[in-house]
């Protein structure tokens, strides 16, 4: 078993504990019309609570998310950039392709500050940290799209069958935020889309009344 990953019994106990432990007051859903900011401790959480695979990261006004920074394997920059095009085309072909991940947005950045090329993967989503990863691996296996992470140092070769190793990789390279802000705090992607559908329906109704 990958280092730092809990046994099946430990994971089951952690799931029960996490589910029964209340979130910090600052993380509770509030008035979406009032922008909110949240300063986060260096560790990435307010209180140490063990989830399925490690510490539980809090929901912030921007919702759940992570920033993963990893060094790129030599000569793989073009492959990473090409993968961006692959995702673009795949989503054009099926706009619901990434729906299981409950994403708000993704942002990929390549940068070199003198220590070699690095890749930064930033994502904001509505599931918790571990659920996002549990959903991502089966999704990429199902679609047949080879993940961009194969171009990064330390990515497990057996990622298709070794979910604990994949989650350990993400946790090892996670850079916790120390501040997150939401213009419409704690609103989910589904709630945003529902509001836009209502707006569209009202616009159509008003047009018909003219």
N, C-alpha and C. Protein backbone atom coordinates (compact mmCIF):
# COMPACT_ATOMS: atom_id res chain seq x y z
N UNK A 1 0.85 -1.20 0.00
CA UNK A 1 0.00 0.00 0.00
C UNK A 1 0.88 1.24 0.00
N UNK A 2 0.47 2.29 -0.74
CA UNK A 2 1.27 3.50 -0.83
C UNK A 2 1.43 4.13 0.54
N UNK A 3 2.62 4.73 0.77
CA UNK A 3 2.90 5.34 2.05
C UNK A 3 1.90 6.45 2.36
N UNK A 4 1.41 6.45 3.62
CA UNK A 4 0.52 7.51 4.04
C UNK A 4 -0.95 7.24 3.73
N UNK A 5 -1.23 6.15 2.98
CA UNK A 5 -2.61 5.81 2.63
C UNK A 5 -3.16 4.85 3.66
N UNK A 6 -4.36 5.08 4.10
CA UNK A 6 -4.96 4.29 5.16
C UNK A 6 -5.42 2.93 4.66
N UNK A 7 -5.54 1.97 5.60
CA UNK A 7 -6.11 0.68 5.27
C UNK A 7 -7.60 0.83 5.06
N UNK A 8 -8.25 -0.24 4.56
CA UNK A 8 -9.69 -0.18 4.28
C UNK A 8 -10.48 0.14 5.54
N UNK A 9 -10.10 -0.51 6.68
CA UNK A 9 -10.82 -0.25 7.93
C UNK A 9 -10.61 1.17 8.41
N UNK A 10 -9.36 1.65 8.27
CA UNK A 10 -9.06 3.02 8.70
C UNK A 10 -9.80 4.04 7.86
N UNK A 11 -9.89 3.77 6.54
CA UNK A 11 -10.60 4.68 5.65
C UNK A 11 -12.07 4.73 6.01
N UNK A 12 -12.66 3.55 6.28
CA UNK A 12 -14.08 3.49 6.62
C UNK A 12 -14.35 4.28 7.90
N UNK A 13 -13.46 4.13 8.90
CA UNK A 13 -13.62 4.85 10.16
C UNK A 13 -13.47 6.35 9.93
N UNK A 14 -12.50 6.73 9.09
CA UNK A 14 -12.28 8.15 8.82
C UNK A 14 -13.47 8.77 8.11
N UNK A 15 -14.10 8.00 7.21
CA UNK A 15 -15.27 8.50 6.50
C UNK A 15 -16.39 8.81 7.48
N UNK A 16 -16.61 7.90 8.43
CA UNK A 16 -17.66 8.10 9.42
C UNK A 16 -17.34 9.31 10.29
N UNK A 17 -16.06 9.42 10.71
CA UNK A 17 -15.64 10.53 11.56
C UNK A 17 -15.80 11.86 10.85
N UNK A 18 -15.34 11.91 9.57
CA UNK A 18 -15.42 13.16 8.81
C UNK A 18 -16.87 13.58 8.59
N UNK A 19 -17.74 12.59 8.35
CA UNK A 19 -19.14 12.89 8.07
C UNK A 19 -19.85 13.43 9.31
N UNK A 20 -19.39 12.98 10.50
CA UNK A 20 -20.07 13.37 11.73
C UNK A 20 -19.48 14.61 12.37
N UNK A 21 -18.33 15.08 11.83
CA UNK A 21 -17.67 16.24 12.41
C UNK A 21 -18.11 17.50 11.71
N UNK A 22 -18.63 18.49 12.44
CA UNK A 22 -19.10 19.72 11.79
C UNK A 22 -17.96 20.51 11.19
N UNK A 23 -18.23 21.22 10.09
CA UNK A 23 -17.26 22.09 9.46
C UNK A 23 -17.07 23.34 10.31
N UNK A 24 -15.90 24.02 10.19
CA UNK A 24 -15.71 25.29 10.89
C UNK A 24 -16.81 26.28 10.52
N UNK A 25 -17.16 27.13 11.44
CA UNK A 25 -18.25 28.08 11.20
C UNK A 25 -18.01 28.91 9.96
N UNK A 26 -16.75 29.25 9.68
CA UNK A 26 -16.44 30.10 8.53
C UNK A 26 -16.74 29.42 7.21
N UNK A 27 -16.84 28.08 7.22
CA UNK A 27 -17.04 27.35 5.97
C UNK A 27 -18.51 27.06 5.67
N UNK A 28 -19.41 27.49 6.52
CA UNK A 28 -20.82 27.23 6.29
C UNK A 28 -21.35 28.14 5.18
N UNK A 29 -22.35 27.63 4.47
CA UNK A 29 -22.96 28.43 3.42
C UNK A 29 -23.54 29.71 3.99
N UNK A 30 -23.27 30.83 3.32
CA UNK A 30 -23.76 32.12 3.78
C UNK A 30 -24.52 32.81 2.66
N UNK A 31 -24.82 34.06 2.84
CA UNK A 31 -25.55 34.85 1.86
C UNK A 31 -24.73 34.98 0.59
N UNK A 32 -25.23 34.42 -0.52
CA UNK A 32 -24.44 34.42 -1.76
C UNK A 32 -24.30 35.82 -2.36
N UNK A 33 -25.14 36.75 -1.91
CA UNK A 33 -25.06 38.11 -2.44
C UNK A 33 -23.98 38.95 -1.76
N UNK A 34 -23.38 38.40 -0.72
CA UNK A 34 -22.36 39.13 0.04
C UNK A 34 -21.00 38.49 -0.21
N UNK A 35 -20.12 39.12 -1.00
CA UNK A 35 -18.79 38.56 -1.27
C UNK A 35 -18.07 38.23 0.03
N UNK A 36 -17.25 37.18 -0.01
CA UNK A 36 -16.56 36.73 1.20
C UNK A 36 -15.14 36.30 0.88
N UNK A 37 -14.25 36.51 1.85
CA UNK A 37 -12.87 36.06 1.74
C UNK A 37 -12.57 35.18 2.94
N UNK A 38 -11.64 34.24 2.76
CA UNK A 38 -11.28 33.35 3.85
C UNK A 38 -9.76 33.16 3.86
N UNK A 39 -9.14 33.55 4.99
CA UNK A 39 -7.72 33.30 5.18
C UNK A 39 -7.56 31.89 5.74
N UNK A 40 -6.65 31.11 5.17
CA UNK A 40 -6.49 29.69 5.50
C UNK A 40 -5.12 29.47 6.13
N UNK A 41 -5.05 28.70 7.20
CA UNK A 41 -3.76 28.43 7.84
C UNK A 41 -2.76 27.76 6.88
N UNK A 42 -1.49 27.84 7.23
CA UNK A 42 -0.42 27.30 6.41
C UNK A 42 -0.63 25.84 6.05
N UNK A 43 -1.20 25.08 6.99
CA UNK A 43 -1.40 23.64 6.76
C UNK A 43 -2.45 23.35 5.69
N UNK A 44 -3.32 24.33 5.40
CA UNK A 44 -4.37 24.13 4.42
C UNK A 44 -5.71 23.78 5.04
N UNK A 45 -5.79 23.73 6.35
CA UNK A 45 -7.04 23.42 7.03
C UNK A 45 -7.05 24.13 8.39
N UNK A 46 -8.25 24.29 8.97
CA UNK A 46 -8.40 24.96 10.25
C UNK A 46 -8.22 23.99 11.42
N UNK A 47 -8.68 22.77 11.19
CA UNK A 47 -8.61 21.74 12.22
C UNK A 47 -8.27 20.42 11.55
N UNK A 48 -7.33 19.69 12.13
CA UNK A 48 -6.93 18.42 11.54
C UNK A 48 -8.04 17.39 11.69
N UNK A 49 -8.63 17.03 10.55
CA UNK A 49 -9.65 15.98 10.50
C UNK A 49 -9.26 15.02 9.39
N UNK A 50 -9.17 13.75 9.72
CA UNK A 50 -8.75 12.76 8.74
C UNK A 50 -9.92 12.35 7.85
N UNK A 51 -9.73 12.46 6.55
CA UNK A 51 -10.72 12.01 5.58
C UNK A 51 -10.36 10.63 5.08
N UNK A 52 -10.70 10.34 3.85
CA UNK A 52 -10.46 9.00 3.31
C UNK A 52 -8.98 8.72 3.09
N UNK A 53 -8.22 9.74 2.71
CA UNK A 53 -6.82 9.53 2.36
C UNK A 53 -5.86 10.48 3.06
N UNK A 54 -6.35 11.36 3.89
CA UNK A 54 -5.50 12.33 4.56
C UNK A 54 -6.32 13.46 5.13
N UNK A 55 -5.69 14.57 5.50
CA UNK A 55 -6.41 15.70 6.09
C UNK A 55 -7.53 16.21 5.19
N UNK A 56 -8.65 16.60 5.80
CA UNK A 56 -9.78 17.16 5.07
C UNK A 56 -9.52 18.64 4.84
N UNK A 57 -9.55 19.06 3.58
CA UNK A 57 -9.40 20.47 3.25
C UNK A 57 -10.77 21.14 3.26
N UNK A 58 -10.87 22.35 3.79
CA UNK A 58 -12.19 22.99 3.97
C UNK A 58 -12.78 23.51 2.67
N UNK A 59 -14.08 23.66 2.68
CA UNK A 59 -14.77 24.37 1.61
C UNK A 59 -14.60 25.86 1.87
N UNK A 60 -14.24 26.61 0.86
CA UNK A 60 -14.01 28.05 1.01
C UNK A 60 -15.09 28.81 0.24
N UNK A 61 -15.11 30.14 0.30
CA UNK A 61 -16.07 30.90 -0.50
C UNK A 61 -15.97 30.60 -1.99
N UNK A 62 -14.79 30.12 -2.44
CA UNK A 62 -14.62 29.76 -3.85
C UNK A 62 -14.99 28.31 -4.11
N UNK A 63 -15.40 27.58 -3.08
CA UNK A 63 -15.69 26.15 -3.09
C UNK A 63 -14.41 25.34 -2.94
N UNK A 64 -14.46 24.05 -3.22
CA UNK A 64 -13.28 23.21 -3.05
C UNK A 64 -12.31 23.43 -4.22
N UNK A 65 -11.05 23.06 -4.01
CA UNK A 65 -10.09 23.21 -5.09
C UNK A 65 -8.69 22.82 -4.66
N UNK A 66 -7.78 22.85 -5.61
CA UNK A 66 -6.38 22.63 -5.28
C UNK A 66 -5.49 23.28 -6.33
N UNK A 67 -4.23 23.45 -5.95
CA UNK A 67 -3.19 23.93 -6.86
C UNK A 67 -2.03 22.95 -6.75
N UNK A 68 -1.80 22.19 -7.81
CA UNK A 68 -0.75 21.18 -7.82
C UNK A 68 0.40 21.69 -8.69
N UNK A 69 1.61 21.67 -8.15
CA UNK A 69 2.79 22.13 -8.87
C UNK A 69 3.79 20.98 -8.95
N UNK A 70 4.15 20.59 -10.18
CA UNK A 70 5.02 19.44 -10.40
C UNK A 70 6.04 19.75 -11.50
N UNK A 71 7.24 19.21 -11.35
CA UNK A 71 8.27 19.41 -12.37
C UNK A 71 7.96 18.54 -13.60
N UNK A 72 8.17 19.12 -14.77
CA UNK A 72 7.90 18.43 -16.04
C UNK A 72 9.10 17.56 -16.43
N UNK A 73 8.82 16.38 -16.95
CA UNK A 73 9.89 15.52 -17.45
C UNK A 73 10.58 16.21 -18.63
N UNK A 74 11.88 16.02 -18.78
CA UNK A 74 12.61 16.68 -19.89
C UNK A 74 11.98 16.37 -21.25
N UNK A 75 11.82 17.40 -22.06
CA UNK A 75 11.32 17.22 -23.41
C UNK A 75 9.83 17.02 -23.54
N UNK A 76 9.07 17.24 -22.47
CA UNK A 76 7.63 16.96 -22.51
C UNK A 76 6.75 18.20 -22.64
N UNK A 77 7.34 19.37 -22.79
CA UNK A 77 6.53 20.58 -22.84
C UNK A 77 5.53 20.55 -23.98
N UNK A 78 5.98 20.17 -25.18
CA UNK A 78 5.07 20.15 -26.33
C UNK A 78 3.93 19.17 -26.12
N UNK A 79 4.23 18.03 -25.50
CA UNK A 79 3.19 17.03 -25.24
C UNK A 79 2.13 17.58 -24.30
N UNK A 80 2.56 18.35 -23.30
CA UNK A 80 1.61 18.94 -22.35
C UNK A 80 0.74 19.97 -23.05
N UNK A 81 1.36 20.81 -23.86
CA UNK A 81 0.57 21.83 -24.57
C UNK A 81 -0.40 21.17 -25.56
N UNK A 82 0.02 20.09 -26.18
CA UNK A 82 -0.85 19.38 -27.12
C UNK A 82 -2.04 18.77 -26.39
N UNK A 83 -1.80 18.35 -25.16
CA UNK A 83 -2.88 17.77 -24.38
C UNK A 83 -3.98 18.79 -24.11
N UNK A 84 -3.59 20.06 -23.97
CA UNK A 84 -4.59 21.11 -23.81
C UNK A 84 -5.53 21.15 -25.00
N UNK A 85 -4.98 20.98 -26.19
CA UNK A 85 -5.81 20.94 -27.41
C UNK A 85 -6.70 19.71 -27.42
N UNK A 86 -6.16 18.60 -26.91
CA UNK A 86 -6.94 17.36 -26.86
C UNK A 86 -8.18 17.53 -25.99
N UNK A 87 -8.00 18.15 -24.84
CA UNK A 87 -9.14 18.40 -23.95
C UNK A 87 -10.13 19.34 -24.62
N UNK A 88 -9.63 20.37 -25.28
CA UNK A 88 -10.51 21.32 -25.97
C UNK A 88 -11.40 20.60 -26.98
N UNK A 89 -10.80 19.74 -27.79
CA UNK A 89 -11.56 19.02 -28.82
C UNK A 89 -12.52 18.02 -28.20
N UNK A 90 -12.09 17.37 -27.13
CA UNK A 90 -12.95 16.38 -26.48
C UNK A 90 -14.20 17.04 -25.90
N UNK A 91 -14.05 18.21 -25.29
CA UNK A 91 -15.20 18.90 -24.72
C UNK A 91 -16.10 19.46 -25.81
N UNK A 92 -15.50 19.86 -26.95
CA UNK A 92 -16.31 20.28 -28.08
C UNK A 92 -17.19 19.13 -28.56
N UNK A 93 -16.63 17.93 -28.57
CA UNK A 93 -17.38 16.76 -29.01
C UNK A 93 -18.43 16.30 -28.03
N UNK A 94 -18.18 16.53 -26.75
CA UNK A 94 -19.13 16.13 -25.70
C UNK A 94 -19.01 17.15 -24.57
N UNK A 95 -19.92 18.08 -24.53
CA UNK A 95 -19.85 19.17 -23.55
C UNK A 95 -20.04 18.67 -22.12
N UNK A 96 -20.53 17.43 -21.95
CA UNK A 96 -20.73 16.88 -20.61
C UNK A 96 -19.57 15.98 -20.18
N UNK A 97 -18.52 15.95 -20.97
CA UNK A 97 -17.41 15.03 -20.73
C UNK A 97 -16.87 15.12 -19.30
N UNK A 98 -16.66 16.33 -18.82
CA UNK A 98 -16.06 16.52 -17.50
C UNK A 98 -17.10 16.75 -16.41
N UNK A 99 -18.36 16.56 -16.73
CA UNK A 99 -19.44 16.81 -15.76
C UNK A 99 -19.28 16.06 -14.45
N UNK A 100 -18.80 14.79 -14.45
CA UNK A 100 -18.67 14.07 -13.17
C UNK A 100 -17.75 14.77 -12.17
N UNK A 101 -16.87 15.63 -12.66
CA UNK A 101 -15.93 16.30 -11.76
C UNK A 101 -16.53 17.52 -11.07
N UNK A 102 -17.71 17.95 -11.50
CA UNK A 102 -18.40 19.10 -10.89
C UNK A 102 -17.49 20.33 -10.83
N UNK A 103 -16.87 20.62 -11.95
CA UNK A 103 -15.91 21.70 -12.03
C UNK A 103 -16.56 23.07 -12.17
N UNK A 104 -15.90 24.08 -11.62
CA UNK A 104 -16.18 25.47 -11.95
C UNK A 104 -15.22 25.89 -13.06
N UNK A 105 -13.94 25.63 -12.83
CA UNK A 105 -12.96 25.92 -13.86
C UNK A 105 -11.66 25.18 -13.59
N UNK A 106 -10.85 25.07 -14.64
CA UNK A 106 -9.47 24.57 -14.55
C UNK A 106 -8.56 25.64 -15.11
N UNK A 107 -7.34 25.70 -14.59
CA UNK A 107 -6.33 26.59 -15.15
C UNK A 107 -5.00 25.86 -15.12
N UNK A 108 -4.37 25.75 -16.30
CA UNK A 108 -3.07 25.09 -16.41
C UNK A 108 -2.01 26.13 -16.75
N UNK A 109 -0.87 26.05 -16.09
CA UNK A 109 0.22 27.00 -16.31
C UNK A 109 1.54 26.25 -16.40
N UNK A 110 2.38 26.61 -17.37
CA UNK A 110 3.75 26.12 -17.46
C UNK A 110 4.68 27.28 -17.13
N UNK A 111 5.64 27.05 -16.28
CA UNK A 111 6.55 28.13 -15.90
C UNK A 111 7.91 27.57 -15.49
N UNK A 112 8.93 28.41 -15.61
CA UNK A 112 10.29 28.06 -15.22
C UNK A 112 10.91 29.26 -14.53
N UNK A 113 11.24 29.08 -13.26
CA UNK A 113 11.85 30.18 -12.50
C UNK A 113 13.33 29.88 -12.24
N UNK A 114 13.92 29.04 -13.11
CA UNK A 114 15.33 28.74 -13.00
C UNK A 114 15.66 27.35 -12.51
N UNK A 115 14.64 26.60 -12.11
CA UNK A 115 14.88 25.25 -11.59
C UNK A 115 14.29 24.18 -12.51
N UNK A 116 13.98 24.57 -13.75
CA UNK A 116 13.38 23.63 -14.68
C UNK A 116 11.91 23.93 -14.89
N UNK A 117 11.37 23.39 -15.97
CA UNK A 117 9.97 23.64 -16.31
C UNK A 117 9.04 22.95 -15.33
N UNK A 118 8.05 23.70 -14.84
CA UNK A 118 7.05 23.16 -13.93
C UNK A 118 5.65 23.35 -14.51
N UNK A 119 4.76 22.48 -14.08
CA UNK A 119 3.36 22.51 -14.50
C UNK A 119 2.51 22.78 -13.27
N UNK A 120 1.60 23.75 -13.38
CA UNK A 120 0.67 24.04 -12.30
C UNK A 120 -0.74 23.77 -12.76
N UNK A 121 -1.45 22.97 -11.99
CA UNK A 121 -2.82 22.57 -12.26
C UNK A 121 -3.69 23.16 -11.16
N UNK A 122 -4.52 24.12 -11.53
CA UNK A 122 -5.43 24.73 -10.57
C UNK A 122 -6.86 24.37 -10.94
N UNK A 123 -7.61 23.95 -9.96
CA UNK A 123 -9.00 23.61 -10.22
C UNK A 123 -9.89 24.04 -9.07
N UNK A 124 -11.10 24.44 -9.40
CA UNK A 124 -12.14 24.74 -8.41
C UNK A 124 -13.34 23.86 -8.76
N UNK A 125 -13.87 23.17 -7.76
CA UNK A 125 -14.94 22.21 -8.00
C UNK A 125 -15.83 22.09 -6.79
N UNK A 126 -16.93 21.34 -6.92
CA UNK A 126 -17.94 21.27 -5.86
C UNK A 126 -17.85 20.03 -4.98
N UNK A 127 -17.03 19.06 -5.37
CA UNK A 127 -16.85 17.88 -4.51
C UNK A 127 -15.68 18.13 -3.57
N UNK A 128 -15.49 17.24 -2.60
CA UNK A 128 -14.30 17.40 -1.77
C UNK A 128 -13.07 16.92 -2.53
N UNK A 129 -11.92 17.20 -1.98
CA UNK A 129 -10.63 16.94 -2.64
C UNK A 129 -10.50 15.49 -3.11
N UNK A 130 -10.74 14.54 -2.20
CA UNK A 130 -10.54 13.14 -2.53
C UNK A 130 -11.61 12.61 -3.49
N UNK A 131 -12.84 13.09 -3.36
CA UNK A 131 -13.91 12.66 -4.27
C UNK A 131 -13.57 13.08 -5.71
N UNK A 132 -13.02 14.27 -5.86
CA UNK A 132 -12.62 14.75 -7.19
C UNK A 132 -11.62 13.78 -7.81
N UNK A 133 -10.64 13.36 -7.04
CA UNK A 133 -9.62 12.46 -7.57
C UNK A 133 -10.19 11.06 -7.84
N UNK A 134 -11.08 10.61 -6.96
CA UNK A 134 -11.71 9.31 -7.16
C UNK A 134 -12.53 9.29 -8.45
N UNK A 135 -13.13 10.41 -8.79
CA UNK A 135 -13.93 10.50 -10.01
C UNK A 135 -13.08 10.70 -11.26
N UNK A 136 -11.93 11.38 -11.11
CA UNK A 136 -11.12 11.75 -12.26
C UNK A 136 -10.48 10.54 -12.93
N UNK A 137 -9.91 9.63 -12.15
CA UNK A 137 -9.19 8.49 -12.75
C UNK A 137 -10.13 7.60 -13.57
N UNK A 138 -11.28 7.16 -13.04
CA UNK A 138 -12.20 6.38 -13.88
C UNK A 138 -12.66 7.12 -15.12
N UNK A 139 -12.80 8.45 -15.02
CA UNK A 139 -13.23 9.24 -16.16
C UNK A 139 -12.21 9.16 -17.29
N UNK A 140 -10.94 9.33 -16.97
CA UNK A 140 -9.92 9.28 -18.01
C UNK A 140 -9.74 7.87 -18.57
N UNK A 141 -9.94 6.87 -17.73
CA UNK A 141 -9.88 5.49 -18.23
C UNK A 141 -11.05 5.24 -19.18
N UNK A 142 -12.24 5.71 -18.81
CA UNK A 142 -13.44 5.50 -19.62
C UNK A 142 -13.34 6.17 -20.98
N UNK A 143 -12.83 7.41 -20.98
CA UNK A 143 -12.76 8.16 -22.24
C UNK A 143 -11.58 7.77 -23.11
N UNK A 144 -10.59 7.10 -22.51
CA UNK A 144 -9.42 6.72 -23.29
C UNK A 144 -8.43 7.84 -23.49
N UNK A 145 -8.66 8.98 -22.84
CA UNK A 145 -7.73 10.11 -22.95
C UNK A 145 -6.63 9.93 -21.92
N UNK A 146 -5.39 9.81 -22.39
CA UNK A 146 -4.27 9.63 -21.47
C UNK A 146 -4.04 10.93 -20.71
N UNK A 147 -3.96 10.83 -19.42
CA UNK A 147 -3.85 12.03 -18.59
C UNK A 147 -2.55 12.79 -18.83
N UNK A 148 -2.63 14.10 -18.72
CA UNK A 148 -1.48 14.97 -18.91
C UNK A 148 -0.39 14.68 -17.89
N UNK A 149 -0.77 14.09 -16.77
CA UNK A 149 0.19 13.89 -15.70
C UNK A 149 1.27 12.84 -16.02
N UNK A 150 1.09 12.05 -17.05
CA UNK A 150 2.14 11.10 -17.42
C UNK A 150 3.40 11.83 -17.86
N UNK A 151 3.30 13.12 -18.13
CA UNK A 151 4.45 13.92 -18.54
C UNK A 151 5.16 14.57 -17.35
N UNK A 152 4.75 14.24 -16.15
CA UNK A 152 5.29 14.89 -14.95
C UNK A 152 6.11 13.91 -14.11
N UNK A 153 7.13 14.44 -13.46
CA UNK A 153 8.00 13.60 -12.64
C UNK A 153 7.24 13.07 -11.42
N UNK A 154 7.43 11.79 -11.15
CA UNK A 154 6.82 11.18 -9.98
C UNK A 154 5.44 10.60 -10.18
N UNK A 155 4.87 10.77 -11.39
CA UNK A 155 3.54 10.22 -11.65
C UNK A 155 3.61 8.69 -11.67
N UNK A 156 2.75 7.98 -10.92
CA UNK A 156 2.83 6.52 -10.86
C UNK A 156 2.52 5.86 -12.20
N UNK A 157 3.39 4.94 -12.59
CA UNK A 157 3.21 4.23 -13.87
C UNK A 157 1.92 3.42 -13.89
N UNK A 158 1.51 2.91 -12.72
CA UNK A 158 0.31 2.07 -12.64
C UNK A 158 -0.92 2.87 -12.23
N UNK A 159 -1.00 4.12 -12.68
CA UNK A 159 -2.06 5.02 -12.23
C UNK A 159 -3.45 4.51 -12.53
N UNK A 160 -3.58 3.71 -13.59
CA UNK A 160 -4.91 3.21 -13.96
C UNK A 160 -5.49 2.26 -12.92
N UNK A 161 -4.63 1.58 -12.18
CA UNK A 161 -5.08 0.57 -11.23
C UNK A 161 -4.68 0.88 -9.79
N UNK A 162 -3.96 1.96 -9.58
CA UNK A 162 -3.44 2.26 -8.25
C UNK A 162 -3.91 3.65 -7.81
N UNK A 163 -5.20 3.74 -7.48
CA UNK A 163 -5.78 5.02 -7.06
C UNK A 163 -5.08 5.61 -5.83
N UNK A 164 -4.73 4.81 -4.81
CA UNK A 164 -4.03 5.38 -3.66
C UNK A 164 -2.73 6.09 -4.05
N UNK A 165 -1.99 5.53 -5.02
CA UNK A 165 -0.74 6.17 -5.45
C UNK A 165 -1.02 7.49 -6.16
N UNK A 166 -2.10 7.53 -6.93
CA UNK A 166 -2.47 8.77 -7.61
C UNK A 166 -2.83 9.85 -6.59
N UNK A 167 -3.63 9.50 -5.60
CA UNK A 167 -4.04 10.46 -4.59
C UNK A 167 -2.84 10.93 -3.77
N UNK A 168 -1.91 10.03 -3.48
CA UNK A 168 -0.69 10.41 -2.77
C UNK A 168 0.11 11.41 -3.60
N UNK A 169 0.18 11.19 -4.92
CA UNK A 169 0.89 12.11 -5.81
C UNK A 169 0.30 13.52 -5.71
N UNK A 170 -1.02 13.62 -5.77
CA UNK A 170 -1.67 14.93 -5.69
C UNK A 170 -1.47 15.56 -4.32
N UNK A 171 -1.59 14.79 -3.28
CA UNK A 171 -1.42 15.34 -1.94
C UNK A 171 0.03 15.77 -1.71
N UNK A 172 0.98 15.04 -2.25
CA UNK A 172 2.40 15.39 -2.08
C UNK A 172 2.75 16.70 -2.79
N UNK A 173 2.02 17.01 -3.88
CA UNK A 173 2.34 18.19 -4.68
C UNK A 173 1.32 19.32 -4.53
N UNK A 174 0.38 19.14 -3.62
CA UNK A 174 -0.62 20.18 -3.36
C UNK A 174 0.01 21.39 -2.68
N UNK A 175 -0.29 22.58 -3.18
CA UNK A 175 0.16 23.84 -2.57
C UNK A 175 -1.08 24.54 -2.00
N UNK A 176 -1.33 24.41 -0.71
CA UNK A 176 -2.55 24.97 -0.13
C UNK A 176 -2.62 26.49 -0.29
N UNK A 177 -3.81 26.99 -0.55
CA UNK A 177 -4.03 28.43 -0.61
C UNK A 177 -3.97 29.00 0.81
N UNK A 178 -3.60 30.29 0.92
CA UNK A 178 -3.70 30.94 2.22
C UNK A 178 -4.78 32.02 2.21
N UNK A 179 -5.36 32.27 1.02
CA UNK A 179 -6.51 33.17 0.92
C UNK A 179 -7.36 32.76 -0.28
N UNK A 180 -8.66 32.69 -0.08
CA UNK A 180 -9.58 32.44 -1.18
C UNK A 180 -10.77 33.39 -1.05
N UNK A 181 -11.25 33.84 -2.20
CA UNK A 181 -12.32 34.85 -2.24
C UNK A 181 -13.42 34.37 -3.18
N UNK A 182 -14.64 34.68 -2.83
CA UNK A 182 -15.77 34.38 -3.69
C UNK A 182 -16.67 35.59 -3.84
N UNK A 183 -16.91 36.02 -5.08
CA UNK A 183 -17.82 37.12 -5.34
C UNK A 183 -19.25 36.71 -4.99
N UNK A 184 -19.56 35.42 -5.25
CA UNK A 184 -20.84 34.84 -4.83
C UNK A 184 -20.49 33.57 -4.07
N UNK A 185 -20.16 33.71 -2.77
CA UNK A 185 -19.56 32.62 -1.99
C UNK A 185 -20.42 31.37 -1.84
N UNK A 186 -19.72 30.23 -1.94
CA UNK A 186 -20.29 28.91 -1.68
C UNK A 186 -21.36 28.48 -2.68
N UNK A 187 -21.51 29.20 -3.77
CA UNK A 187 -22.49 28.82 -4.79
C UNK A 187 -21.90 27.71 -5.66
N UNK A 188 -22.67 26.67 -5.91
CA UNK A 188 -22.18 25.55 -6.72
C UNK A 188 -22.33 25.84 -8.21
N UNK A 189 -21.64 25.06 -9.02
CA UNK A 189 -21.74 25.22 -10.47
C UNK A 189 -23.17 24.96 -10.94
N UNK A 190 -23.83 23.97 -10.35
CA UNK A 190 -25.22 23.69 -10.74
C UNK A 190 -26.13 24.86 -10.41
N UNK A 191 -25.90 25.50 -9.27
CA UNK A 191 -26.73 26.66 -8.90
C UNK A 191 -26.51 27.82 -9.87
N UNK A 192 -25.26 28.01 -10.31
CA UNK A 192 -24.98 29.06 -11.28
C UNK A 192 -25.73 28.79 -12.58
N UNK A 193 -25.66 27.53 -13.05
CA UNK A 193 -26.31 27.18 -14.31
C UNK A 193 -27.84 27.28 -14.20
N UNK A 194 -28.39 26.89 -13.06
CA UNK A 194 -29.83 27.02 -12.86
C UNK A 194 -30.26 28.49 -12.91
N UNK A 195 -29.47 29.35 -12.28
CA UNK A 195 -29.79 30.79 -12.29
C UNK A 195 -29.75 31.35 -13.70
N UNK A 196 -28.78 30.91 -14.49
CA UNK A 196 -28.66 31.39 -15.86
C UNK A 196 -29.82 30.88 -16.72
N UNK A 197 -30.27 29.65 -16.44
CA UNK A 197 -31.43 29.12 -17.17
C UNK A 197 -32.68 29.93 -16.84
N UNK A 198 -32.85 30.29 -15.56
CA UNK A 198 -33.99 31.11 -15.17
C UNK A 198 -33.92 32.47 -15.85
N UNK A 199 -32.72 33.06 -15.89
CA UNK A 199 -32.55 34.34 -16.56
C UNK A 199 -32.91 34.25 -18.03
N UNK A 200 -32.46 33.17 -18.68
CA UNK A 200 -32.75 32.98 -20.09
C UNK A 200 -34.26 32.81 -20.33
N UNK A 201 -34.90 32.04 -19.45
CA UNK A 201 -36.34 31.82 -19.58
C UNK A 201 -37.12 33.12 -19.39
N UNK A 202 -36.71 33.94 -18.43
CA UNK A 202 -37.37 35.22 -18.19
C UNK A 202 -37.18 36.16 -19.38
N UNK A 203 -35.98 36.14 -19.95
CA UNK A 203 -35.70 36.99 -21.11
C UNK A 203 -36.60 36.59 -22.28
N UNK A 204 -36.73 35.27 -22.49
CA UNK A 204 -37.57 34.78 -23.56
C UNK A 204 -39.04 35.17 -23.32
N UNK A 205 -39.48 35.05 -22.08
CA UNK A 205 -40.86 35.39 -21.74
C UNK A 205 -41.11 36.89 -21.98
N UNK A 206 -40.17 37.71 -21.58
CA UNK A 206 -40.33 39.16 -21.76
C UNK A 206 -40.33 39.53 -23.25
N UNK A 207 -39.51 38.83 -24.03
CA UNK A 207 -39.48 39.08 -25.47
C UNK A 207 -40.83 38.76 -26.09
N UNK A 208 -41.45 37.67 -25.61
CA UNK A 208 -42.73 37.25 -26.15
C UNK A 208 -43.85 38.22 -25.80
N UNK A 209 -43.68 38.95 -24.71
CA UNK A 209 -44.71 39.88 -24.25
C UNK A 209 -44.64 41.22 -24.98
N UNK A 210 -43.58 41.46 -25.69
CA UNK A 210 -43.44 42.74 -26.39
C UNK A 210 -44.22 42.78 -27.70
